[in-house]
C-alpha atoms as a PDB file:
ATOM      1  CA  MET A   1       0.000   0.000   0.000  1.00  0.00           C
ATOM      2  CA  THR A   2       0.898   3.645  -0.418  1.00  0.00           C
ATOM      3  CA  ILE A   3      -0.127   5.382   2.794  1.00  0.00           C
ATOM      4  CA  LEU A   4      -0.544   9.107   3.341  1.00  0.00           C
ATOM      5  CA  ILE A   5       0.165   9.989   6.976  1.00  0.00           C
ATOM      6  CA  THR A   6      -0.855  13.502   7.998  1.00  0.00           C
ATOM      7  CA  GLY A   7       1.295  14.634  10.891  1.00  0.00           C
ATOM      8  CA  GLY A   8       3.752  12.057   9.636  1.00  0.00           C
ATOM      9  CA  ALA A   9       6.754  13.713  11.291  1.00  0.00           C
ATOM     10  CA  GLY A  10       5.142  13.749  14.726  1.00  0.00           C
ATOM     11  CA  PHE A  11       5.685  11.212  17.470  1.00  0.00           C
ATOM     12  CA  ILE A  12       2.919   8.796  16.457  1.00  0.00           C
ATOM     13  CA  GLY A  13       3.465   9.501  12.769  1.00  0.00           C
ATOM     14  CA  THR A  14       7.139   8.565  13.018  1.00  0.00           C
ATOM     15  CA  ASN A  15       6.309   5.299  14.778  1.00  0.00           C
ATOM     16  CA  ILE A  16       3.697   4.387  12.171  1.00  0.00           C
ATOM     17  CA  THR A  17       5.945   5.425   9.263  1.00  0.00           C
ATOM     18  CA  LEU A  18       8.823   3.234  10.437  1.00  0.00           C
ATOM     19  CA  GLU A  19       6.524   0.275  11.092  1.00  0.00           C
ATOM     20  CA  ALA A  20       4.780   0.666   7.721  1.00  0.00           C
ATOM     21  CA  ILE A  21       8.047   0.770   5.789  1.00  0.00           C
ATOM     22  CA  SER A  22       9.366  -2.248   7.716  1.00  0.00           C
ATOM     23  CA  GLN A  23       6.259  -4.108   6.510  1.00  0.00           C
ATOM     24  CA  GLY A  24       6.910  -3.155   2.874  1.00  0.00           C
ATOM     25  CA  HIS A  25       4.464  -0.265   2.490  1.00  0.00           C
ATOM     26  CA  LYS A  26       5.236   3.112   0.907  1.00  0.00           C
ATOM     27  CA  VAL A  27       4.659   6.234   2.996  1.00  0.00           C
ATOM     28  CA  ILE A  28       4.122   9.912   2.229  1.00  0.00           C
ATOM     29  CA  ALA A  29       4.550  11.966   5.405  1.00  0.00           C
ATOM     30  CA  PHE A  30       2.326  15.046   5.058  1.00  0.00           C
ATOM     31  CA  ASP A  31       3.465  17.522   7.726  1.00  0.00           C
ATOM     32  CA  SER A  32       3.777  21.276   8.225  1.00  0.00           C
ATOM     33  CA  ILE A  33       7.061  20.683  10.109  1.00  0.00           C
ATOM     34  CA  THR A  34       6.371  23.630  12.409  1.00  0.00           C
ATOM     35  CA  ARG A  35       6.228  21.893  15.785  1.00  0.00           C
ATOM     36  CA  LYS A  36       9.469  21.851  17.733  1.00  0.00           C
ATOM     37  CA  GLY A  37      11.262  18.517  17.374  1.00  0.00           C
ATOM     38  CA  THR A  38       9.726  17.470  14.068  1.00  0.00           C
ATOM     39  CA  GLU A  39      12.968  18.320  12.277  1.00  0.00           C
ATOM     40  CA  ASP A  40      14.691  15.500  14.162  1.00  0.00           C
ATOM     41  CA  ASN A  41      11.950  13.062  13.174  1.00  0.00           C
ATOM     42  CA  ILE A  42      12.068  14.176   9.532  1.00  0.00           C
ATOM     43  CA  SER A  43      15.667  13.002   9.214  1.00  0.00           C
ATOM     44  CA  ILE A  44      14.732   9.642  10.758  1.00  0.00           C
ATOM     45  CA  ILE A  45      11.799   8.935   8.454  1.00  0.00           C
ATOM     46  CA  GLU A  46      13.630  10.220   5.371  1.00  0.00           C
ATOM     47  CA  LYS A  47      16.405   7.693   6.029  1.00  0.00           C
ATOM     48  CA  SER A  48      13.771   4.955   6.225  1.00  0.00           C
ATOM     49  CA  GLY A  49      12.647   5.769   2.684  1.00  0.00           C
ATOM     50  CA  ALA A  50       9.492   7.789   3.362  1.00  0.00           C
ATOM     51  CA  GLY A  51       8.521  10.631   1.061  1.00  0.00           C
ATOM     52  CA  ILE A  52       8.117  14.046   2.700  1.00  0.00           C
ATOM     53  CA  LEU A  53       5.465  16.572   1.708  1.00  0.00           C
ATOM     54  CA  ARG A  54       5.648  19.831   3.627  1.00  0.00           C
ATOM     55  CA  ALA A  55       1.995  20.791   3.777  1.00  0.00           C
ATOM     56  CA  ASP A  56      -0.707  21.959   6.178  1.00  0.00           C
ATOM     57  CA  VAL A  57      -4.044  20.171   6.639  1.00  0.00           C
ATOM     58  CA  ARG A  58      -5.701  23.569   7.213  1.00  0.00           C
ATOM     59  CA  ASN A  59      -4.979  24.470   3.577  1.00  0.00           C
ATOM     60  CA  LYS A  60      -7.111  22.429   1.167  1.00  0.00           C
ATOM     61  CA  GLU A  61      -4.909  23.580  -1.733  1.00  0.00           C
ATOM     62  CA  ASP A  62      -1.998  21.622  -0.255  1.00  0.00           C
ATOM     63  CA  PHE A  63      -3.824  18.360  -0.938  1.00  0.00           C
ATOM     64  CA  LYS A  64      -3.536  19.044  -4.665  1.00  0.00           C
ATOM     65  CA  ARG A  65       0.231  18.579  -4.317  1.00  0.00           C
ATOM     66  CA  ILE A  66      -0.104  14.902  -3.397  1.00  0.00           C
ATOM     67  CA  LYS A  67       1.287  12.812  -6.256  1.00  0.00           C
ATOM     68  CA  GLY A  68       0.318   9.285  -7.262  1.00  0.00           C
ATOM     69  CA  ASN A  69      -2.371   6.929  -6.000  1.00  0.00           C
ATOM     70  CA  ILE A  70      -3.037   6.745  -2.268  1.00  0.00           C
ATOM     71  CA  ASP A  71      -4.421   3.486  -0.839  1.00  0.00           C
ATOM     72  CA  GLY A  72      -5.011   4.642   2.721  1.00  0.00           C
ATOM     73  CA  ILE A  73      -4.836   7.745   4.907  1.00  0.00           C
ATOM     74  CA  ILE A  74      -3.810   7.835   8.560  1.00  0.00           C
ATOM     75  CA  HIS A  75      -4.899  11.226   9.862  1.00  0.00           C
ATOM     76  CA  LEU A  76      -2.850  12.383  12.866  1.00  0.00           C
ATOM     77  CA  ALA A  77      -2.236  16.062  12.098  1.00  0.00           C
ATOM     78  CA  GLY A  78      -3.681  18.781  14.307  1.00  0.00           C
ATOM     79  CA  ASN A  79      -3.293  20.471  17.655  1.00  0.00           C
ATOM     80  CA  PRO A  80      -2.411  17.672  20.111  1.00  0.00           C
ATOM     81  CA  GLY A  81      -2.997  19.382  23.460  1.00  0.00           C
ATOM     82  CA  ILE A  82      -5.438  21.143  25.749  1.00  0.00           C
ATOM     83  CA  GLN A  83      -3.337  24.166  26.728  1.00  0.00           C
ATOM     84  CA  VAL A  84      -2.916  25.379  23.140  1.00  0.00           C
ATOM     85  CA  SER A  85      -6.685  25.145  22.676  1.00  0.00           C
ATOM     86  CA  LEU A  86      -7.236  27.342  25.729  1.00  0.00           C
ATOM     87  CA  GLU A  87      -4.828  29.999  24.489  1.00  0.00           C
ATOM     88  CA  TRP A  88      -5.653  29.838  20.760  1.00  0.00           C
ATOM     89  CA  PRO A  89      -9.099  28.252  20.308  1.00  0.00           C
ATOM     90  CA  MET A  90      -9.445  29.367  16.681  1.00  0.00           C
ATOM     91  CA  TYR A  91      -6.147  27.734  15.747  1.00  0.00           C
ATOM     92  CA  ASP A  92      -7.256  24.577  17.575  1.00  0.00           C
ATOM     93  CA  PHE A  93     -10.534  24.516  15.607  1.00  0.00           C
ATOM     94  CA  GLU A  94      -8.819  25.102  12.278  1.00  0.00           C
ATOM     95  CA  ALA A  95      -6.068  22.544  12.858  1.00  0.00           C
ATOM     96  CA  ASN A  96      -8.375  19.842  14.197  1.00  0.00           C
ATOM     97  CA  THR A  97     -11.846  20.279  12.706  1.00  0.00           C
ATOM     98  CA  ILE A  98     -11.122  22.120   9.444  1.00  0.00           C
ATOM     99  CA  GLY A  99      -8.053  19.946   8.921  1.00  0.00           C
ATOM    100  CA  THR A 100     -10.113  16.778   9.349  1.00  0.00           C
ATOM    101  CA  LEU A 101     -12.785  18.034   6.944  1.00  0.00           C
ATOM    102  CA  ASN A 102     -10.085  18.727   4.363  1.00  0.00           C
ATOM    103  CA  VAL A 103      -8.774  15.176   4.758  1.00  0.00           C
ATOM    104  CA  LEU A 104     -12.262  13.702   4.407  1.00  0.00           C
ATOM    105  CA  GLU A 105     -13.028  15.823   1.351  1.00  0.00           C
ATOM    106  CA  TYR A 106      -9.739  14.782  -0.251  1.00  0.00           C
ATOM    107  CA  SER A 107     -10.630  11.145   0.388  1.00  0.00           C
ATOM    108  CA  ARG A 108     -14.095  11.620  -1.107  1.00  0.00           C
ATOM    109  CA  SER A 109     -12.774  13.444  -4.168  1.00  0.00           C
ATOM    110  CA  MET A 110     -10.321  10.605  -4.839  1.00  0.00           C
ATOM    111  CA  GLY A 111     -12.877   7.797  -4.729  1.00  0.00           C
ATOM    112  CA  ASN A 112     -13.294   7.286  -0.977  1.00  0.00           C
ATOM    113  CA  ILE A 113      -9.811   6.416   0.246  1.00  0.00           C
ATOM    114  CA  PRO A 114      -9.951   4.723   3.695  1.00  0.00           C
ATOM    115  CA  VAL A 115      -9.238   7.153   6.567  1.00  0.00           C
ATOM    116  CA  ILE A 116      -8.044   6.118  10.027  1.00  0.00           C
ATOM    117  CA  PHE A 117      -8.519   9.065  12.400  1.00  0.00           C
ATOM    118  CA  ALA A 118      -6.671   9.757  15.660  1.00  0.00           C
ATOM    119  CA  SER A 119      -9.350  10.920  18.095  1.00  0.00           C
ATOM    120  CA  THR A 120      -8.920  11.194  21.865  1.00  0.00           C
ATOM    121  CA  ASN A 121     -10.447  10.241  25.200  1.00  0.00           C
ATOM    122  CA  LYS A 122     -10.985  13.986  25.727  1.00  0.00           C
ATOM    123  CA  ILE A 123     -14.131  13.743  23.609  1.00  0.00           C
ATOM    124  CA  TYR A 124     -15.664  12.396  26.831  1.00  0.00           C
ATOM    125  CA  SER A 125     -16.485  15.196  29.261  1.00  0.00           C
ATOM    126  CA  GLU A 126     -15.605  15.753  32.898  1.00  0.00           C
ATOM    127  CA  GLU A 127     -18.761  13.788  33.729  1.00  0.00           C
ATOM    128  CA  ILE A 128     -16.365  10.841  34.141  1.00  0.00           C
ATOM    129  CA  ASN A 129     -15.397  12.430  37.463  1.00  0.00           C
ATOM    130  CA  LEU A 130     -18.872  11.760  38.898  1.00  0.00           C
ATOM    131  CA  LEU A 131     -18.006   8.071  39.105  1.00  0.00           C
ATOM    132  CA  PRO A 132     -17.292   7.244  42.783  1.00  0.00           C
ATOM    133  CA  VAL A 133     -13.650   6.522  43.610  1.00  0.00           C
ATOM    134  CA  ILE A 134     -11.534   5.025  46.386  1.00  0.00           C
ATOM    135  CA  GLU A 135      -8.263   6.778  47.235  1.00  0.00           C
ATOM    136  CA  ASP A 136      -5.272   4.514  47.892  1.00  0.00           C
ATOM    137  CA  ASP A 137      -1.758   5.619  48.855  1.00  0.00           C
ATOM    138  CA  SER A 138      -0.638   5.979  45.242  1.00  0.00           C
ATOM    139  CA  ARG A 139      -3.746   6.021  43.027  1.00  0.00           C
ATOM    140  CA  LEU A 140      -7.469   6.511  42.674  1.00  0.00           C
ATOM    141  CA  ARG A 141      -9.682   3.520  41.880  1.00  0.00           C
ATOM    142  CA  TRP A 142     -13.280   3.371  40.731  1.00  0.00           C
ATOM    143  CA  ASP A 143     -15.552   2.212  43.532  1.00  0.00           C
ATOM    144  CA  PHE A 144     -17.761  -0.246  41.658  1.00  0.00           C
ATOM    145  CA  ASN A 145     -19.529  -1.275  44.865  1.00  0.00           C
ATOM    146  CA  ASN A 146     -21.051   2.204  45.093  1.00  0.00           C
ATOM    147  CA  PHE A 147     -21.992   2.802  41.459  1.00  0.00           C
ATOM    148  CA  SER A 148     -25.644   3.808  41.358  1.00  0.00           C
ATOM    149  CA  LYS A 149     -28.062   6.143  39.622  1.00  0.00           C
ATOM    150  CA  ASN A 150     -27.783   8.406  42.652  1.00  0.00           C
ATOM    151  CA  TYR A 151     -24.274   9.294  41.440  1.00  0.00           C
ATOM    152  CA  THR A 152     -24.432   8.773  37.697  1.00  0.00           C
ATOM    153  CA  ARG A 153     -27.064   8.640  34.987  1.00  0.00           C
ATOM    154  CA  GLU A 154     -27.835   5.359  33.261  1.00  0.00           C
ATOM    155  CA  ALA A 155     -26.124   6.331  30.003  1.00  0.00           C
ATOM    156  CA  VAL A 156     -22.851   6.817  31.877  1.00  0.00           C
ATOM    157  CA  MET A 157     -23.156   3.516  33.700  1.00  0.00           C
ATOM    158  CA  GLU A 158     -23.555   1.721  30.347  1.00  0.00           C
ATOM    159  CA  GLY A 159     -20.204   3.149  29.268  1.00  0.00           C
ATOM    160  CA  ILE A 160     -18.063   1.694  32.035  1.00  0.00           C
ATOM    161  CA  SER A 161     -17.184  -1.733  33.409  1.00  0.00           C
ATOM    162  CA  GLN A 162     -14.367  -3.348  35.354  1.00  0.00           C
ATOM    163  CA  LYS A 163     -12.412  -3.246  32.057  1.00  0.00           C
ATOM    164  CA  GLY A 164     -12.634   0.539  31.746  1.00  0.00           C
ATOM    165  CA  ILE A 165     -14.473   3.125  29.624  1.00  0.00           C
ATOM    166  CA  ASN A 166     -16.075   1.628  26.517  1.00  0.00           C
ATOM    167  CA  GLU A 167     -17.318   3.223  23.313  1.00  0.00           C
ATOM    168  CA  ASN A 168     -20.861   3.587  24.698  1.00  0.00           C
ATOM    169  CA  PHE A 169     -19.792   6.229  27.207  1.00  0.00           C
ATOM    170  CA  PRO A 170     -21.736   9.390  26.248  1.00  0.00           C
ATOM    171  CA  MET A 171     -19.849  12.138  24.438  1.00  0.00           C
ATOM    172  CA  ASP A 172     -22.445  14.717  25.432  1.00  0.00           C
ATOM    173  CA  SER A 173     -23.246  15.649  29.036  1.00  0.00           C
ATOM    174  CA  ALA A 174     -26.232  17.888  28.211  1.00  0.00           C
ATOM    175  CA  GLY A 175     -24.211  21.026  28.885  1.00  0.00           C
ATOM    176  CA  LEU A 176     -23.359  20.170  32.484  1.00  0.00           C
ATOM    177  CA  PHE A 177     -19.647  19.371  32.183  1.00  0.00           C
ATOM    178  CA  PRO A 178     -16.710  20.755  30.140  1.00  0.00           C
ATOM    179  CA  HIS A 179     -14.652  19.044  27.452  1.00  0.00           C
ATOM    180  CA  THR A 180     -12.155  21.917  26.870  1.00  0.00           C
ATOM    181  CA  PRO A 181     -11.926  23.488  23.390  1.00  0.00           C
ATOM    182  CA  TYR A 182      -9.490  20.709  22.415  1.00  0.00           C
ATOM    183  CA  GLY A 183     -12.037  18.062  23.391  1.00  0.00           C
ATOM    184  CA  ALA A 184     -14.716  19.932  21.442  1.00  0.00           C
ATOM    185  CA  SER A 185     -12.651  20.225  18.244  1.00  0.00           C
ATOM    186  CA  LYS A 186     -11.673  16.555  18.396  1.00  0.00           C
ATOM    187  CA  ALA A 187     -15.260  15.514  19.155  1.00  0.00           C
ATOM    188  CA  SER A 188     -16.554  17.386  16.095  1.00  0.00           C
ATOM    189  CA  SER A 189     -13.843  15.749  13.963  1.00  0.00           C
ATOM    190  CA  ASP A 190     -14.753  12.370  15.452  1.00  0.00           C
ATOM    191  CA  ILE A 191     -18.406  12.843  14.454  1.00  0.00           C
ATOM    192  CA  TYR A 192     -17.523  14.145  10.979  1.00  0.00           C
ATOM    193  CA  CYS A 193     -15.542  10.962  10.331  1.00  0.00           C
ATOM    194  CA  GLN A 194     -18.533   8.872  11.368  1.00  0.00           C
ATOM    195  CA  GLU A 195     -20.858  10.985   9.215  1.00  0.00           C
ATOM    196  CA  TYR A 196     -18.674  10.765   6.116  1.00  0.00           C
ATOM    197  CA  PHE A 197     -18.915   6.983   6.410  1.00  0.00           C
ATOM    198  CA  HIS A 198     -22.698   6.978   6.764  1.00  0.00           C
ATOM    199  CA  THR A 199     -23.475   9.781   4.301  1.00  0.00           C
ATOM    200  CA  PHE A 200     -20.775   9.455   1.646  1.00  0.00           C
ATOM    201  CA  GLY A 201     -19.444   5.927   2.092  1.00  0.00           C
ATOM    202  CA  VAL A 202     -15.907   6.976   3.055  1.00  0.00           C
ATOM    203  CA  PRO A 203     -14.393   4.000   4.923  1.00  0.00           C
ATOM    204  CA  THR A 204     -13.434   5.640   8.213  1.00  0.00           C
ATOM    205  CA  VAL A 205     -12.181   4.317  11.545  1.00  0.00           C
ATOM    206  CA  VAL A 206     -12.084   6.458  14.699  1.00  0.00           C
ATOM    207  CA  ASN A 207      -9.506   5.660  17.385  1.00  0.00           C
ATOM    208  CA  ARG A 208     -10.266   7.438  20.678  1.00  0.00           C
ATOM    209  CA  MET A 209      -6.840   7.270  22.245  1.00  0.00           C
ATOM    210  CA  SER A 210      -5.776   7.418  25.858  1.00  0.00           C
ATOM    211  CA  CYS A 211      -2.151   8.024  26.941  1.00  0.00           C
ATOM    212  CA  ILE A 212       0.291   7.145  24.146  1.00  0.00           C
ATOM    213  CA  TYR A 213       4.032   7.246  24.852  1.00  0.00           C
ATOM    214  CA  GLY A 214       7.281   6.022  23.341  1.00  0.00           C
ATOM    215  CA  LEU A 215      10.218   6.844  21.107  1.00  0.00           C
ATOM    216  CA  TYR A 216      10.381  10.005  18.960  1.00  0.00           C
ATOM    217  CA  GLN A 217       8.120  11.916  21.349  1.00  0.00           C
ATOM    218  CA  LYS A 218       9.010  15.465  22.408  1.00  0.00           C
ATOM    219  CA  GLY A 219       6.963  15.737  25.576  1.00  0.00           C
ATOM    220  CA  ILE A 220       6.142  19.006  27.308  1.00  0.00           C
ATOM    221  CA  GLU A 221       4.236  19.630  30.512  1.00  0.00           C
ATOM    222  CA  ASP A 222       0.866  19.949  28.767  1.00  0.00           C
ATOM    223  CA  GLN A 223       1.223  17.151  26.223  1.00  0.00           C
ATOM    224  CA  GLY A 224       3.109  13.855  26.211  1.00  0.00           C
ATOM    225  CA  TRP A 225       3.343  13.708  29.992  1.00  0.00           C
ATOM    226  CA  ILE A 226       5.188  10.381  30.340  1.00  0.00           C
ATOM    227  CA  ASP A 227       7.949  11.549  28.008  1.00  0.00           C
ATOM    228  CA  TRP A 228       8.051  14.860  29.898  1.00  0.00           C
ATOM    229  CA  PHE A 229       8.383  13.072  33.255  1.00  0.00           C
ATOM    230  CA  VAL A 230      11.314  11.003  31.978  1.00  0.00           C
ATOM    231  CA  ARG A 231      13.067  14.091  30.575  1.00  0.00           C
ATOM    232  CA  ALA A 232      12.482  16.019  33.801  1.00  0.00           C
ATOM    233  CA  ALA A 233      14.031  13.186  35.809  1.00  0.00           C
ATOM    234  CA  LEU A 234      17.080  12.872  33.564  1.00  0.00           C
ATOM    235  CA  HIS A 235      17.636  16.634  33.315  1.00  0.00           C
ATOM    236  CA  ASN A 236      16.978  17.379  36.991  1.00  0.00           C
ATOM    237  CA  LYS A 237      13.932  19.578  36.340  1.00  0.00           C
ATOM    238  CA  PRO A 238      11.048  20.144  38.779  1.00  0.00           C
ATOM    239  CA  LEU A 239       7.665  18.553  38.045  1.00  0.00           C
ATOM    240  CA  ASN A 240       4.389  20.404  38.429  1.00  0.00           C
ATOM    241  CA  ILE A 241       1.628  18.030  39.553  1.00  0.00           C
ATOM    242  CA  TYR A 242      -1.926  19.319  39.125  1.00  0.00           C
ATOM    243  CA  GLY A 243      -4.114  17.734  41.767  1.00  0.00           C
ATOM    244  CA  ASN A 244      -2.879  15.033  44.141  1.00  0.00           C
ATOM    245  CA  GLY A 245      -0.915  12.958  41.622  1.00  0.00           C
ATOM    246  CA  LYS A 246      -3.189   9.955  42.044  1.00  0.00           C
ATOM    247  CA  GLN A 247      -4.829  10.401  38.639  1.00  0.00           C
ATOM    248  CA  VAL A 248      -4.754   7.145  36.655  1.00  0.00           C
ATOM    249  CA  ARG A 249      -4.310   6.528  32.915  1.00  0.00           C
ATOM    250  CA  ASP A 250      -3.829   3.465  30.797  1.00  0.00           C
ATOM    251  CA  ALA A 251      -0.683   3.784  28.694  1.00  0.00           C
ATOM    252  CA  LEU A 252       0.092   2.355  25.248  1.00  0.00           C
ATOM    253  CA  PHE A 253       3.585   2.185  23.731  1.00  0.00           C
ATOM    254  CA  GLY A 254       4.017   3.785  20.303  1.00  0.00           C
ATOM    255  CA  THR A 255       5.126   0.659  18.432  1.00  0.00           C
ATOM    256  CA  ASP A 256       2.061  -1.258  19.655  1.00  0.00           C
ATOM    257  CA  LEU A 257      -0.165   1.570  18.422  1.00  0.00           C
ATOM    258  CA  ALA A 258       1.594   1.697  15.047  1.00  0.00           C
ATOM    259  CA  LYS A 259       0.850  -1.979  14.430  1.00  0.00           C
ATOM    260  CA  LEU A 260      -2.823  -1.385  15.214  1.00  0.00           C
ATOM    261  CA  TYR A 261      -3.223   1.483  12.719  1.00  0.00           C
ATOM    262  CA  LEU A 262      -1.725  -0.611   9.943  1.00  0.00           C
ATOM    263  CA  LEU A 263      -3.844  -3.600  10.927  1.00  0.00           C
ATOM    264  CA  GLU A 264      -6.939  -1.416  10.626  1.00  0.00           C
ATOM    265  CA  LEU A 265      -5.982  -0.305   7.109  1.00  0.00           C
ATOM    266  CA  GLU A 266      -5.244  -3.879   6.069  1.00  0.00           C
ATOM    267  CA  ASN A 267      -8.620  -5.028   7.419  1.00  0.00           C
ATOM    268  CA  ILE A 268     -10.685  -1.998   6.447  1.00  0.00           C
ATOM    269  CA  GLU A 269     -13.717  -4.081   5.418  1.00  0.00           C
ATOM    270  CA  LYS A 270     -13.938  -5.429   8.983  1.00  0.00           C
ATOM    271  CA  VAL A 271     -13.551  -2.102  10.746  1.00  0.00           C
ATOM    272  CA  LYS A 272     -14.933   0.627   8.455  1.00  0.00           C
ATOM    273  CA  GLY A 273     -17.466   2.831  10.199  1.00  0.00           C
ATOM    274  CA  LYS A 274     -16.359   1.693  13.643  1.00  0.00           C
ATOM    275  CA  VAL A 275     -15.233   3.644  16.704  1.00  0.00           C
ATOM    276  CA  PHE A 276     -12.649   2.192  19.094  1.00  0.00           C
ATOM    277  CA  ASN A 277     -11.324   3.202  22.495  1.00  0.00           C
ATOM    278  CA  ILE A 278      -7.569   2.669  22.289  1.00  0.00           C
ATOM    279  CA  GLY A 279      -4.946   2.480  25.034  1.00  0.00           C
ATOM    280  CA  GLY A 280      -3.032   0.029  27.146  1.00  0.00           C
ATOM    281  CA  GLY A 281      -6.255  -1.203  28.721  1.00  0.00           C
ATOM    282  CA  ILE A 282      -6.870  -2.336  32.263  1.00  0.00           C
ATOM    283  CA  GLU A 283      -3.619  -4.349  32.387  1.00  0.00           C
ATOM    284  CA  LYS A 284      -1.374  -1.356  31.612  1.00  0.00           C
ATOM    285  CA  THR A 285      -2.219   1.520  33.927  1.00  0.00           C
ATOM    286  CA  THR A 286      -0.251   3.958  36.035  1.00  0.00           C
ATOM    287  CA  SER A 287      -0.822   6.970  38.249  1.00  0.00           C
ATOM    288  CA  LEU A 288       1.371  10.068  38.274  1.00  0.00           C
ATOM    289  CA  LEU A 289       2.729   9.123  41.717  1.00  0.00           C
ATOM    290  CA  GLU A 290       3.533   5.587  40.548  1.00  0.00           C
ATOM    291  CA  MET A 291       5.368   7.003  37.539  1.00  0.00           C
ATOM    292  CA  ILE A 292       7.362   9.330  39.807  1.00  0.00           C
ATOM    293  CA  SER A 293       8.198   6.397  42.087  1.00  0.00           C
ATOM    294  CA  TRP A 294       9.580   4.422  39.117  1.00  0.00           C
ATOM    295  CA  LEU A 295      11.709   7.381  38.040  1.00  0.00           C
ATOM    296  CA  GLU A 296      13.028   8.037  41.548  1.00  0.00           C
ATOM    297  CA  ASN A 297      13.995   4.379  41.903  1.00  0.00           C
ATOM    298  CA  ARG A 298      15.838   4.627  38.586  1.00  0.00           C
ATOM    299  CA  LEU A 299      17.518   7.880  39.646  1.00  0.00           C
ATOM    300  CA  LYS A 300      18.215   6.655  43.179  1.00  0.00           C
ATOM    301  CA  SER A 301      17.214  10.128  44.352  1.00  0.00           C
ATOM    302  CA  LYS A 302      14.105  12.232  44.919  1.00  0.00           C
ATOM    303  CA  MET A 303      12.636  14.519  42.269  1.00  0.00           C
ATOM    304  CA  GLN A 304      11.443  18.053  43.011  1.00  0.00           C
ATOM    305  CA  ILE A 305       7.632  17.941  42.974  1.00  0.00           C
ATOM    306  CA  ILE A 306       5.441  21.063  43.016  1.00  0.00           C
ATOM    307  CA  TYR A 307       1.735  20.507  43.685  1.00  0.00           C
ATOM    308  CA  LYS A 308      -0.822  22.840  42.093  1.00  0.00           C
ATOM    309  CA  ASP A 309      -4.619  23.039  41.771  1.00  0.00           C
ATOM    310  CA  TRP A 310      -6.528  20.576  39.614  1.00  0.00           C
ATOM    311  CA  ARG A 311      -6.812  21.626  35.984  1.00  0.00           C
ATOM    312  CA  LYS A 312     -10.145  22.177  34.255  1.00  0.00           C
ATOM    313  CA  ALA A 313     -11.694  19.061  32.690  1.00  0.00           C
ATOM    314  CA  ASP A 314      -8.923  16.782  33.977  1.00  0.00           C
ATOM    315  CA  GLN A 315     -10.297  13.243  34.125  1.00  0.00           C
ATOM    316  CA  LYS A 316      -9.277  11.777  37.490  1.00  0.00           C
ATOM    317  CA  ILE A 317      -9.343   8.226  36.149  1.00  0.00           C
ATOM    318  CA  TYR A 318      -9.385   7.218  32.502  1.00  0.00           C
ATOM    319  CA  ILE A 319      -8.824   3.600  31.489  1.00  0.00           C
ATOM    320  CA  SER A 320      -9.726   2.397  28.000  1.00  0.00           C
ATOM    321  CA  ASP A 321     -11.812  -0.731  27.586  1.00  0.00           C
ATOM    322  CA  ILE A 322     -10.087  -2.162  24.500  1.00  0.00           C
ATOM    323  CA  THR A 323     -12.263  -5.289  24.275  1.00  0.00           C
ATOM    324  CA  LYS A 324     -13.994  -4.232  21.044  1.00  0.00           C
ATOM    325  CA  VAL A 325     -10.843  -3.757  18.957  1.00  0.00           C
ATOM    326  CA  GLN A 326      -9.250  -6.864  20.468  1.00  0.00           C
ATOM    327  CA  ASP A 327     -12.236  -9.006  19.531  1.00  0.00           C
ATOM    328  CA  ILE A 328     -12.443  -7.743  15.946  1.00  0.00           C
ATOM    329  CA  LEU A 329      -8.743  -7.550  15.021  1.00  0.00           C
ATOM    330  CA  LYS A 330      -7.126  -9.911  17.560  1.00  0.00           C
ATOM    331  CA  TRP A 331      -4.731  -7.091  18.447  1.00  0.00           C
ATOM    332  CA  LYS A 332      -3.359  -6.536  21.925  1.00  0.00           C
ATOM    333  CA  PRO A 333      -0.627  -4.372  23.474  1.00  0.00           C
ATOM    334  CA  THR A 334       2.558  -6.314  24.148  1.00  0.00           C
ATOM    335  CA  THR A 335       4.871  -3.733  25.764  1.00  0.00           C
ATOM    336  CA  SER A 336       4.531  -3.386  29.542  1.00  0.00           C
ATOM    337  CA  ILE A 337       4.817   0.078  31.069  1.00  0.00           C
ATOM    338  CA  ASN A 338       8.092  -0.866  32.759  1.00  0.00           C
ATOM    339  CA  GLU A 339       9.516  -2.132  29.459  1.00  0.00           C
ATOM    340  CA  GLY A 340       8.402   1.001  27.635  1.00  0.00           C
ATOM    341  CA  LEU A 341       9.842   3.286  30.294  1.00  0.00           C
ATOM    342  CA  GLU A 342      13.169   1.481  30.212  1.00  0.00           C
ATOM    343  CA  ILE A 343      13.381   1.898  26.434  1.00  0.00           C
ATOM    344  CA  MET A 344      12.553   5.613  26.713  1.00  0.00           C
ATOM    345  CA  TRP A 345      14.950   6.155  29.611  1.00  0.00           C
ATOM    346  CA  GLU A 346      17.909   4.698  27.732  1.00  0.00           C
ATOM    347  CA  ASN A 347      17.028   6.511  24.485  1.00  0.00           C
ATOM    348  CA  ILE A 348      16.583   9.948  26.086  1.00  0.00           C
ATOM    349  CA  LYS A 349      19.706   9.507  28.187  1.00  0.00           C
ATOM    350  CA  LYS A 350      21.694   8.665  25.039  1.00  0.00           C
ATOM    351  CA  TYR A 351      20.303  11.197  22.560  1.00  0.00           C
ATOM    352  CA  ASN A 352      18.550  13.981  24.486  1.00  0.00           C
END
């Protein structure tokens, strides 16, 4: 296949590009190359044999510069973080929603090329925080013994089980809870992908992703937090923790994610029109405090931690129920969090 990857020089794009080329596919990395760190990734994917097209998904004219036949599109480009959306909401809307519409229109104009879209768990609102929790020494846990309609509405209860948040969890909270502008722009893109499948027959897949981490990431405090934690530890920088540090996320290593995206393209007839929650699942979770503990054990010293107020729309626990995608594609994450952290630690220590 010849695969167009928007945001192809980003962290996830680099992982998918390298995996795709190792499997014998051709890749065109479509990227504006404006985000700090993408220059480093460009040299890596160019050496692998990928084609580079410097272009911006916000500009529909740039799609006319794509040469040759495209067999599949993996759409990653856009604003990847909440803080940027709070400071520049119009840019966030243009990069995420307008950019996604341009990708979908390009697909439609070229005969309905399959599109795999990188959505996010932030399409679910802060209503998740109504679920009752138990506070342990190092993490929060959902208190399933006390789940009831007194705390949560029925639609919410249908979207959660012991395995985590499933695809039935409601995107809309009837105006009662925030998503952040980032969550709103990704949610609209998510729905547009679904609608282009139903209305125009574009074979789309929506991946609502939890915490993704791994090689080629350039983490900052507001985006790519695991990478940022590792860099802070190695470079002796203080860490700001918003809340009590007991927030929990499931974490998925970049190479495991890359294999899934390619598997979806290769099996598009099985998965077209579907929405998946994607992450490490219930078996691969960590809290901020547990991550800090791992880093301090590796450092053999304490890190400087600064506690601050909770941030708006921060989900206190988010764990993806990945049962649906596992059942359909027989995919599962293989890299444990400890294994992934060790790989990142050694790589950042050597090169960054």
